[in-house]
Amino acid sequence: MRAVPLLAAAALLAVAACGIPPSDVEDRAKPPTITVPPPSKTIYLLKGGKLALEPANVTSDRVDSLLNALFAASSQPPGDRDTALRGFTLEGISDSLNPIKRDEVQLPRTSTLTVYVKGEGELSKNAKAQIVCTAQQDAAFEQVKIVHRYANRPSKTEGRFICGDLR
């Protein structure tokens, strides 16, 4: 009967002394990291009839701040830049993305941003491009829907757009 406890003790001793001495942890290099570029604080104006990025004077990189800056620039475009949004105002925006539920799997999410514009006349292709391309600097917006509101007639949906189709 004494052989069983001796056998167990020998097995325990064999496992504990495997021949590799313990050592302290050594730092060999920094852990791998990535850098995320800062969000854009730019808007699209026109230069020679073509879209051109222009720095925006905004404190936030949120799409509503950028669109407000875009429409504000339509009253006084800087330098040799121009805009096709003269006479139009931004009435607001809404996002089709529902809030994330607590137990929902977090995947890359995209949505449609609806931009409400007020003004008389027709929105040109360049005007739509300025709005859509400025908004789609935020990668969460797969497409931008533009709703044109008028003072004395019903609103008109201009369509759903992506920047690449309007360039």
C-alpha atoms as a PDB file:
ATOM      1  CA  MET A   1       0.000   0.000   0.000  1.00  0.00           C
ATOM      2  CA  ARG A   2       2.920   2.288   0.552  1.00  0.00           C
ATOM      3  CA  ALA A   3       3.917   2.040  -3.135  1.00  0.00           C
ATOM      4  CA  VAL A   4       0.889   4.013  -4.413  1.00  0.00           C
ATOM      5  CA  PRO A   5       1.663   7.250  -2.446  1.00  0.00           C
ATOM      6  CA  LEU A   6       5.353   6.982  -3.414  1.00  0.00           C
ATOM      7  CA  LEU A   7       4.391   6.520  -7.049  1.00  0.00           C
ATOM      8  CA  ALA A   8       2.096   9.581  -6.913  1.00  0.00           C
ATOM      9  CA  ALA A   9       4.805  11.672  -5.265  1.00  0.00           C
ATOM     10  CA  ALA A  10       7.324  10.607  -7.920  1.00  0.00           C
ATOM     11  CA  ALA A  11       4.911  11.506 -10.716  1.00  0.00           C
ATOM     12  CA  LEU A  12       4.253  14.911  -9.148  1.00  0.00           C
ATOM     13  CA  LEU A  13       7.971  15.539  -8.772  1.00  0.00           C
ATOM     14  CA  ALA A  14       8.593  14.545 -12.401  1.00  0.00           C
ATOM     15  CA  VAL A  15       5.953  16.993 -13.688  1.00  0.00           C
ATOM     16  CA  ALA A  16       7.200  19.857 -11.501  1.00  0.00           C
ATOM     17  CA  ALA A  17      10.807  19.410 -12.550  1.00  0.00           C
ATOM     18  CA  CYS A  18      10.535  19.197 -16.323  1.00  0.00           C
ATOM     19  CA  GLY A  19      14.041  20.482 -16.884  1.00  0.00           C
ATOM     20  CA  ILE A  20      13.187  24.039 -17.996  1.00  0.00           C
ATOM     21  CA  PRO A  21      14.121  26.649 -15.464  1.00  0.00           C
ATOM     22  CA  PRO A  22      11.633  29.512 -14.991  1.00  0.00           C
ATOM     23  CA  SER A  23      12.640  32.956 -16.259  1.00  0.00           C
ATOM     24  CA  ASP A  24      11.368  36.510 -16.057  1.00  0.00           C
ATOM     25  CA  VAL A  25       9.341  38.009 -18.901  1.00  0.00           C
ATOM     26  CA  GLU A  26      11.490  39.959 -21.326  1.00  0.00           C
ATOM     27  CA  ASP A  27      10.153  42.737 -23.583  1.00  0.00           C
ATOM     28  CA  ARG A  28      11.568  42.207 -27.065  1.00  0.00           C
ATOM     29  CA  ALA A  29       9.695  44.922 -29.028  1.00  0.00           C
ATOM     30  CA  LYS A  30       6.637  47.129 -28.917  1.00  0.00           C
ATOM     31  CA  PRO A  31       3.310  45.368 -29.488  1.00  0.00           C
ATOM     32  CA  PRO A  32       1.885  45.688 -32.994  1.00  0.00           C
ATOM     33  CA  THR A  33      -0.414  48.682 -33.329  1.00  0.00           C
ATOM     34  CA  ILE A  34      -2.269  50.509 -36.054  1.00  0.00           C
ATOM     35  CA  THR A  35      -2.907  54.171 -36.455  1.00  0.00           C
ATOM     36  CA  VAL A  36      -6.295  55.413 -37.571  1.00  0.00           C
ATOM     37  CA  PRO A  37      -6.188  58.581 -39.637  1.00  0.00           C
ATOM     38  CA  PRO A  38      -8.089  61.474 -38.133  1.00  0.00           C
ATOM     39  CA  PRO A  39     -11.545  62.076 -39.586  1.00  0.00           C
ATOM     40  CA  SER A  40     -11.689  64.545 -42.430  1.00  0.00           C
ATOM     41  CA  LYS A  41     -12.637  68.134 -41.782  1.00  0.00           C
ATOM     42  CA  THR A  42     -13.048  69.009 -45.435  1.00  0.00           C
ATOM     43  CA  ILE A  43     -15.922  69.900 -47.726  1.00  0.00           C
ATOM     44  CA  TYR A  44     -16.342  69.716 -51.496  1.00  0.00           C
ATOM     45  CA  LEU A  45     -16.518  72.981 -53.403  1.00  0.00           C
ATOM     46  CA  LEU A  46     -16.046  73.571 -57.123  1.00  0.00           C
ATOM     47  CA  LYS A  47     -12.881  74.693 -58.873  1.00  0.00           C
ATOM     48  CA  GLY A  48     -13.176  75.111 -62.607  1.00  0.00           C
ATOM     49  CA  GLY A  49     -16.519  73.291 -62.550  1.00  0.00           C
ATOM     50  CA  LYS A  50     -15.024  70.180 -60.883  1.00  0.00           C
ATOM     51  CA  LEU A  51     -15.172  68.958 -57.305  1.00  0.00           C
ATOM     52  CA  ALA A  52     -12.280  70.073 -55.116  1.00  0.00           C
ATOM     53  CA  LEU A  53     -11.640  69.363 -51.440  1.00  0.00           C
ATOM     54  CA  GLU A  54     -11.416  72.437 -49.281  1.00  0.00           C
ATOM     55  CA  PRO A  55     -10.606  72.630 -45.534  1.00  0.00           C
ATOM     56  CA  ALA A  56     -13.700  73.414 -43.475  1.00  0.00           C
ATOM     57  CA  ASN A  57     -13.697  75.677 -40.450  1.00  0.00           C
ATOM     58  CA  VAL A  58     -15.466  73.247 -38.109  1.00  0.00           C
ATOM     59  CA  THR A  59     -14.761  72.022 -34.610  1.00  0.00           C
ATOM     60  CA  SER A  60     -16.298  68.598 -35.195  1.00  0.00           C
ATOM     61  CA  ASP A  61     -15.783  66.044 -37.949  1.00  0.00           C
ATOM     62  CA  ARG A  62     -19.414  64.945 -37.739  1.00  0.00           C
ATOM     63  CA  VAL A  63     -21.364  64.933 -40.967  1.00  0.00           C
ATOM     64  CA  ASP A  64     -23.885  67.534 -39.749  1.00  0.00           C
ATOM     65  CA  SER A  65     -21.057  69.997 -38.991  1.00  0.00           C
ATOM     66  CA  LEU A  66     -19.492  69.416 -42.404  1.00  0.00           C
ATOM     67  CA  LEU A  67     -22.786  69.870 -44.238  1.00  0.00           C
ATOM     68  CA  ASN A  68     -23.526  73.066 -42.289  1.00  0.00           C
ATOM     69  CA  ALA A  69     -20.081  74.359 -43.313  1.00  0.00           C
ATOM     70  CA  LEU A  70     -20.747  73.366 -46.932  1.00  0.00           C
ATOM     71  CA  PHE A  71     -23.984  75.335 -47.100  1.00  0.00           C
ATOM     72  CA  ALA A  72     -22.447  78.277 -45.185  1.00  0.00           C
ATOM     73  CA  ALA A  73     -19.646  78.406 -47.778  1.00  0.00           C
ATOM     74  CA  SER A  74     -22.261  78.844 -50.496  1.00  0.00           C
ATOM     75  CA  SER A  75     -22.772  82.441 -49.385  1.00  0.00           C
ATOM     76  CA  GLN A  76     -19.053  83.261 -49.617  1.00  0.00           C
ATOM     77  CA  PRO A  77     -16.901  80.587 -51.251  1.00  0.00           C
ATOM     78  CA  PRO A  78     -13.207  81.080 -50.505  1.00  0.00           C
ATOM     79  CA  GLY A  79     -10.838  82.382 -53.175  1.00  0.00           C
ATOM     80  CA  ASP A  80     -11.097  80.743 -56.576  1.00  0.00           C
ATOM     81  CA  ARG A  81     -13.630  78.179 -55.365  1.00  0.00           C
ATOM     82  CA  ASP A  82     -17.302  78.222 -56.317  1.00  0.00           C
ATOM     83  CA  THR A  83     -20.449  76.360 -55.321  1.00  0.00           C
ATOM     84  CA  ALA A  84     -23.585  75.083 -56.985  1.00  0.00           C
ATOM     85  CA  LEU A  85     -25.540  75.417 -53.718  1.00  0.00           C
ATOM     86  CA  ARG A  86     -26.128  79.163 -53.881  1.00  0.00           C
ATOM     87  CA  GLY A  87     -29.762  79.863 -52.933  1.00  0.00           C
ATOM     88  CA  PHE A  88     -30.204  76.572 -51.071  1.00  0.00           C
ATOM     89  CA  THR A  89     -30.205  75.941 -47.330  1.00  0.00           C
ATOM     90  CA  LEU A  90     -29.714  72.807 -45.277  1.00  0.00           C
ATOM     91  CA  GLU A  91     -32.955  71.956 -43.466  1.00  0.00           C
ATOM     92  CA  GLY A  92     -31.579  68.939 -41.592  1.00  0.00           C
ATOM     93  CA  ILE A  93     -30.395  65.351 -41.851  1.00  0.00           C
ATOM     94  CA  SER A  94     -31.580  61.951 -40.651  1.00  0.00           C
ATOM     95  CA  ASP A  95     -29.827  58.606 -40.489  1.00  0.00           C
ATOM     96  CA  SER A  96     -31.545  55.316 -41.311  1.00  0.00           C
ATOM     97  CA  LEU A  97     -29.305  53.314 -38.975  1.00  0.00           C
ATOM     98  CA  ASN A  98     -31.128  51.943 -35.955  1.00  0.00           C
ATOM     99  CA  PRO A  99     -29.329  52.058 -32.605  1.00  0.00           C
ATOM    100  CA  ILE A 100     -27.245  48.994 -31.731  1.00  0.00           C
ATOM    101  CA  LYS A 101     -28.978  46.602 -29.379  1.00  0.00           C
ATOM    102  CA  ARG A 102     -27.101  45.360 -26.332  1.00  0.00           C
ATOM    103  CA  ASP A 103     -26.721  41.776 -27.549  1.00  0.00           C
ATOM    104  CA  GLU A 104     -26.279  42.569 -31.248  1.00  0.00           C
ATOM    105  CA  VAL A 105     -23.082  41.457 -32.953  1.00  0.00           C
ATOM    106  CA  GLN A 106     -20.972  44.520 -33.755  1.00  0.00           C
ATOM    107  CA  LEU A 107     -20.224  44.402 -37.485  1.00  0.00           C
ATOM    108  CA  PRO A 108     -19.238  47.196 -39.829  1.00  0.00           C
ATOM    109  CA  ARG A 109     -22.496  49.037 -40.376  1.00  0.00           C
ATOM    110  CA  THR A 110     -23.614  51.237 -43.201  1.00  0.00           C
ATOM    111  CA  SER A 111     -26.698  53.312 -43.632  1.00  0.00           C
ATOM    112  CA  THR A 112     -28.434  55.860 -45.780  1.00  0.00           C
ATOM    113  CA  LEU A 113     -28.137  59.493 -44.794  1.00  0.00           C
ATOM    114  CA  THR A 114     -31.102  61.637 -45.794  1.00  0.00           C
ATOM    115  CA  VAL A 115     -30.276  65.294 -46.411  1.00  0.00           C
ATOM    116  CA  TYR A 116     -33.138  67.815 -46.497  1.00  0.00           C
ATOM    117  CA  VAL A 117     -32.453  70.856 -48.679  1.00  0.00           C
ATOM    118  CA  LYS A 118     -34.691  73.895 -49.077  1.00  0.00           C
ATOM    119  CA  GLY A 119     -34.645  76.329 -51.966  1.00  0.00           C
ATOM    120  CA  GLU A 120     -36.279  77.221 -55.244  1.00  0.00           C
ATOM    121  CA  GLY A 121     -34.975  75.992 -58.554  1.00  0.00           C
ATOM    122  CA  GLU A 122     -33.391  72.661 -59.438  1.00  0.00           C
ATOM    123  CA  LEU A 123     -30.399  71.060 -57.766  1.00  0.00           C
ATOM    124  CA  SER A 124     -27.737  70.564 -60.426  1.00  0.00           C
ATOM    125  CA  LYS A 125     -25.547  67.482 -60.667  1.00  0.00           C
ATOM    126  CA  ASN A 126     -22.680  69.503 -59.158  1.00  0.00           C
ATOM    127  CA  ALA A 127     -24.855  70.592 -56.227  1.00  0.00           C
ATOM    128  CA  LYS A 128     -25.825  66.976 -55.539  1.00  0.00           C
ATOM    129  CA  ALA A 129     -22.185  65.915 -55.862  1.00  0.00           C
ATOM    130  CA  GLN A 130     -21.080  68.531 -53.325  1.00  0.00           C
ATOM    131  CA  ILE A 131     -23.627  67.266 -50.797  1.00  0.00           C
ATOM    132  CA  VAL A 132     -23.090  63.545 -51.393  1.00  0.00           C
ATOM    133  CA  CYS A 133     -19.295  63.590 -51.555  1.00  0.00           C
ATOM    134  CA  THR A 134     -19.014  65.751 -48.438  1.00  0.00           C
ATOM    135  CA  ALA A 135     -21.352  63.412 -46.517  1.00  0.00           C
ATOM    136  CA  GLN A 136     -19.705  60.211 -47.735  1.00  0.00           C
ATOM    137  CA  GLN A 137     -16.366  61.163 -46.250  1.00  0.00           C
ATOM    138  CA  ASP A 138     -17.912  59.340 -43.286  1.00  0.00           C
ATOM    139  CA  ALA A 139     -17.633  55.704 -44.409  1.00  0.00           C
ATOM    140  CA  ALA A 140     -20.730  54.710 -42.421  1.00  0.00           C
ATOM    141  CA  PHE A 141     -22.948  56.227 -45.115  1.00  0.00           C
ATOM    142  CA  GLU A 142     -23.326  53.851 -48.029  1.00  0.00           C
ATOM    143  CA  GLN A 143     -25.565  56.241 -49.905  1.00  0.00           C
ATOM    144  CA  VAL A 144     -27.065  59.691 -49.515  1.00  0.00           C
ATOM    145  CA  LYS A 145     -30.714  60.461 -50.214  1.00  0.00           C
ATOM    146  CA  ILE A 146     -31.527  64.081 -51.032  1.00  0.00           C
ATOM    147  CA  VAL A 147     -34.998  65.462 -50.338  1.00  0.00           C
ATOM    148  CA  HIS A 148     -35.700  68.877 -51.860  1.00  0.00           C
ATOM    149  CA  ARG A 149     -38.234  70.942 -49.903  1.00  0.00           C
ATOM    150  CA  TYR A 150     -40.032  73.873 -51.482  1.00  0.00           C
ATOM    151  CA  ALA A 151     -41.870  76.783 -49.908  1.00  0.00           C
ATOM    152  CA  ASN A 152     -45.157  76.438 -51.816  1.00  0.00           C
ATOM    153  CA  ARG A 153     -45.246  72.887 -53.160  1.00  0.00           C
ATOM    154  CA  PRO A 154     -44.675  69.320 -51.976  1.00  0.00           C
ATOM    155  CA  SER A 155     -41.191  67.981 -51.289  1.00  0.00           C
ATOM    156  CA  LYS A 156     -39.397  66.053 -54.003  1.00  0.00           C
ATOM    157  CA  THR A 157     -36.990  63.158 -53.513  1.00  0.00           C
ATOM    158  CA  GLU A 158     -34.047  63.826 -55.817  1.00  0.00           C
ATOM    159  CA  GLY A 159     -32.775  60.259 -55.446  1.00  0.00           C
ATOM    160  CA  ARG A 160     -30.215  58.111 -53.648  1.00  0.00           C
ATOM    161  CA  PHE A 161     -26.627  58.702 -54.648  1.00  0.00           C
ATOM    162  CA  ILE A 162     -23.034  57.652 -54.082  1.00  0.00           C
ATOM    163  CA  CYS A 163     -20.167  60.030 -54.664  1.00  0.00           C
ATOM    164  CA  GLY A 164     -18.505  57.979 -57.403  1.00  0.00           C
ATOM    165  CA  ASP A 165     -21.603  58.185 -59.606  1.00  0.00           C
ATOM    166  CA  LEU A 166     -21.731  61.981 -59.475  1.00  0.00           C
ATOM    167  CA  ARG A 167     -18.066  62.818 -60.126  1.00  0.00           C
END
